[in-house]
Amino acid sequence: MIGKKESWEEKIDELKNGDSYTASSAIEDRDLLMYLGLTDDANPLYIQHDYASETPYKRPVVPTVMIFGKISSIISMHLPGPGSHIIKQHLNYPKPLFHYSEIKITAEISLINKRDHFIEVNIVGYDDDGDEIVNGLVTVRPPYEPKSMNASSLENFY
């Protein structure tokens, strides 16, 4: 439609089981440095190549909270989108993700509970070798329908 902004957020009535979204990105030094600056987490396993080389990992690993950050971004920006809120998470990290790796995460809706206004989203993520580095389930409250007929609070978000 001409002049109409594309809406990213999906209200609960618009969602379907099986809806999915996949995102890929690389973990770069700047991402790790921003994380360290925000959290003051100076775990040598995350940042010191010499230290990490003496561990079974052999090289620095990406903090799992950064992997969760990628998942959170998918939920809040794409599926279901802006206005969503993660209320529960159960995630496993079977293999570490290493610096400079490409990560590919898929989120897929597996349950929709309209009565209690939440969905469950299956998560699976792989590194650039095809090894699974995260799997699990997040419970999400999709965006609520604005109460006002003229509500346009998300328009500036697009």
Protein backbone atom coordinates (compact mmCIF):
# COMPACT_ATOMS: atom_id res chain seq x y z
CA MET A 1 0.00 0.00 0.00
CA ILE A 2 1.30 3.43 -0.87
CA GLY A 3 2.39 5.50 2.12
CA LYS A 4 1.88 2.66 4.61
CA LYS A 5 4.88 1.57 6.63
CA GLU A 6 5.60 -2.13 6.71
CA SER A 7 4.75 -3.53 10.12
CA TRP A 8 7.34 -5.79 11.73
CA GLU A 9 5.52 -6.79 14.85
CA GLU A 10 3.09 -9.68 14.74
CA LYS A 11 0.14 -9.67 17.11
CA ILE A 12 -0.78 -13.01 18.63
CA ASP A 13 -3.77 -13.47 16.29
CA GLU A 14 -1.46 -13.14 13.26
CA LEU A 15 1.04 -15.79 14.38
CA LYS A 16 0.99 -19.43 13.30
CA ASN A 17 2.73 -22.56 14.55
CA GLY A 18 5.72 -23.12 12.30
CA ASP A 19 6.39 -19.43 11.63
CA SER A 20 10.17 -19.05 11.69
CA TYR A 21 12.99 -16.60 11.26
CA THR A 22 16.71 -17.26 10.69
CA ALA A 23 19.52 -14.79 11.26
CA SER A 24 23.26 -15.08 10.67
CA SER A 25 26.06 -12.92 11.97
CA ALA A 26 29.72 -13.06 12.92
CA ILE A 27 31.10 -12.37 16.37
CA GLU A 28 33.80 -9.72 15.99
CA ASP A 29 36.26 -8.14 18.42
CA ARG A 30 34.14 -4.99 18.70
CA ASP A 31 31.15 -7.08 19.84
CA LEU A 32 33.23 -8.73 22.56
CA LEU A 33 34.75 -5.43 23.67
CA MET A 34 31.31 -3.82 23.95
CA TYR A 35 30.07 -6.79 26.01
CA LEU A 36 33.10 -6.57 28.30
CA GLY A 37 32.63 -2.82 28.70
CA LEU A 38 28.96 -3.18 29.58
CA THR A 39 29.32 -6.10 31.99
CA ASP A 40 32.84 -5.69 33.40
CA ASP A 41 33.24 -9.44 32.77
CA ALA A 42 36.95 -9.96 32.21
CA ASN A 43 36.94 -13.76 32.19
CA PRO A 44 40.30 -14.66 30.59
CA LEU A 45 38.57 -17.48 28.68
CA TYR A 46 36.69 -14.79 26.75
CA ILE A 47 39.54 -12.40 25.94
CA GLN A 48 43.02 -13.84 26.49
CA HIS A 49 44.31 -16.01 23.67
CA ASP A 50 47.31 -17.17 25.75
CA TYR A 51 45.10 -18.30 28.61
CA ALA A 52 42.52 -19.95 26.36
CA SER A 53 45.24 -21.87 24.49
CA GLU A 54 46.06 -23.65 27.78
CA THR A 55 42.46 -24.85 28.25
CA PRO A 56 40.62 -27.70 26.52
CA TYR A 57 38.97 -25.03 24.32
CA LYS A 58 42.36 -23.98 22.83
CA ARG A 59 41.04 -20.54 21.89
CA PRO A 60 38.80 -17.81 23.36
CA VAL A 61 35.09 -18.55 23.52
CA VAL A 62 32.14 -16.22 23.09
CA PRO A 63 30.18 -15.64 26.33
CA THR A 64 26.87 -17.50 26.20
CA VAL A 65 25.02 -14.33 27.19
CA MET A 66 26.11 -12.85 23.85
CA ILE A 67 24.54 -15.80 22.06
CA PHE A 68 21.36 -15.20 24.05
CA GLY A 69 21.59 -11.55 22.98
CA LYS A 70 21.36 -12.68 19.34
CA ILE A 71 18.28 -14.75 20.23
CA SER A 72 16.71 -11.82 22.07
CA SER A 73 17.30 -9.62 19.04
CA ILE A 74 15.50 -12.08 16.76
CA ILE A 75 12.52 -12.12 19.14
CA SER A 76 12.35 -8.35 19.64
CA MET A 77 13.07 -7.31 16.06
CA HIS A 78 11.62 -10.07 13.86
CA LEU A 79 9.57 -12.90 15.39
CA PRO A 80 7.20 -11.78 16.76
CA GLY A 81 8.90 -8.35 16.67
CA PRO A 82 8.83 -4.95 18.42
CA GLY A 83 6.77 -4.95 21.60
CA SER A 84 7.63 -8.59 22.41
CA HIS A 85 9.06 -9.64 25.74
CA ILE A 86 10.87 -12.88 26.69
CA ILE A 87 9.43 -14.16 29.97
CA LYS A 88 11.20 -17.52 30.27
CA GLN A 89 14.14 -19.28 28.69
CA HIS A 90 15.57 -22.76 28.75
CA LEU A 91 18.68 -22.92 26.59
CA ASN A 92 21.51 -25.42 26.24
CA TYR A 93 24.96 -24.63 24.86
CA PRO A 94 26.34 -28.03 23.76
CA LYS A 95 29.47 -26.63 22.08
CA PRO A 96 31.28 -23.32 22.58
CA LEU A 97 31.21 -20.63 19.94
CA PHE A 98 34.65 -19.24 19.18
CA HIS A 99 35.73 -15.71 18.31
CA TYR A 100 35.25 -14.71 14.66
CA SER A 101 32.78 -17.54 14.08
CA GLU A 102 29.63 -17.13 12.04
CA ILE A 103 26.49 -18.02 13.99
CA LYS A 104 23.19 -18.98 12.37
CA ILE A 105 20.15 -19.05 14.66
CA THR A 106 16.64 -20.16 13.76
CA ALA A 107 13.59 -19.35 15.88
CA GLU A 108 10.37 -21.27 15.18
CA ILE A 109 7.01 -20.89 16.90
CA SER A 110 5.91 -24.20 18.40
CA LEU A 111 2.98 -23.18 20.62
CA ILE A 112 0.52 -20.29 20.74
CA ASN A 113 -1.52 -19.68 23.88
CA LYS A 114 -3.97 -16.88 23.10
CA ARG A 115 -5.83 -17.14 26.42
CA ASP A 116 -2.70 -16.40 28.50
CA HIS A 117 -1.05 -14.32 25.74
CA PHE A 118 2.24 -16.14 25.23
CA ILE A 119 4.01 -18.21 22.61
CA GLU A 120 6.79 -20.75 22.81
CA VAL A 121 9.64 -20.47 20.35
CA ASN A 122 12.10 -23.29 19.61
CA ILE A 123 15.67 -22.09 19.16
CA VAL A 124 18.53 -23.80 17.38
CA GLY A 125 21.85 -22.28 16.39
CA TYR A 126 24.89 -23.50 14.50
CA ASP A 127 28.45 -22.30 14.03
CA ASP A 128 30.11 -22.03 10.63
CA ASP A 129 31.25 -25.68 10.88
CA GLY A 130 27.61 -26.77 11.16
CA ASP A 131 27.96 -27.75 14.82
CA GLU A 132 25.04 -27.00 17.13
CA ILE A 133 26.04 -24.33 19.65
CA VAL A 134 22.62 -23.53 21.17
CA ASN A 135 19.20 -25.17 21.42
CA GLY A 136 16.17 -24.75 23.59
CA LEU A 137 12.95 -22.91 24.14
CA VAL A 138 11.97 -19.33 24.96
CA THR A 139 8.55 -18.24 26.13
CA VAL A 140 7.52 -14.87 24.73
CA ARG A 141 4.72 -12.38 25.20
CA PRO A 142 4.01 -11.05 21.70
CA PRO A 143 3.11 -7.38 21.28
CA TYR A 144 -0.25 -6.37 22.66
CA GLU A 145 -2.78 -4.56 20.51
CA PRO A 146 -2.66 -0.85 21.47
CA LYS A 147 -5.67 0.24 23.51
CA SER A 148 -6.07 3.48 21.58
CA MET A 149 -7.44 3.41 18.04
CA ASN A 150 -4.93 6.19 17.16
CA ALA A 151 -1.95 4.55 18.91
CA SER A 152 1.13 5.10 16.83
CA SER A 153 3.89 4.65 19.40
CA LEU A 154 5.81 2.14 17.28
CA GLU A 155 5.67 4.21 14.08
CA ASN A 156 8.94 5.95 14.93
CA PHE A 157 10.54 2.55 15.49
CA TYR A 158 10.37 1.54 11.82
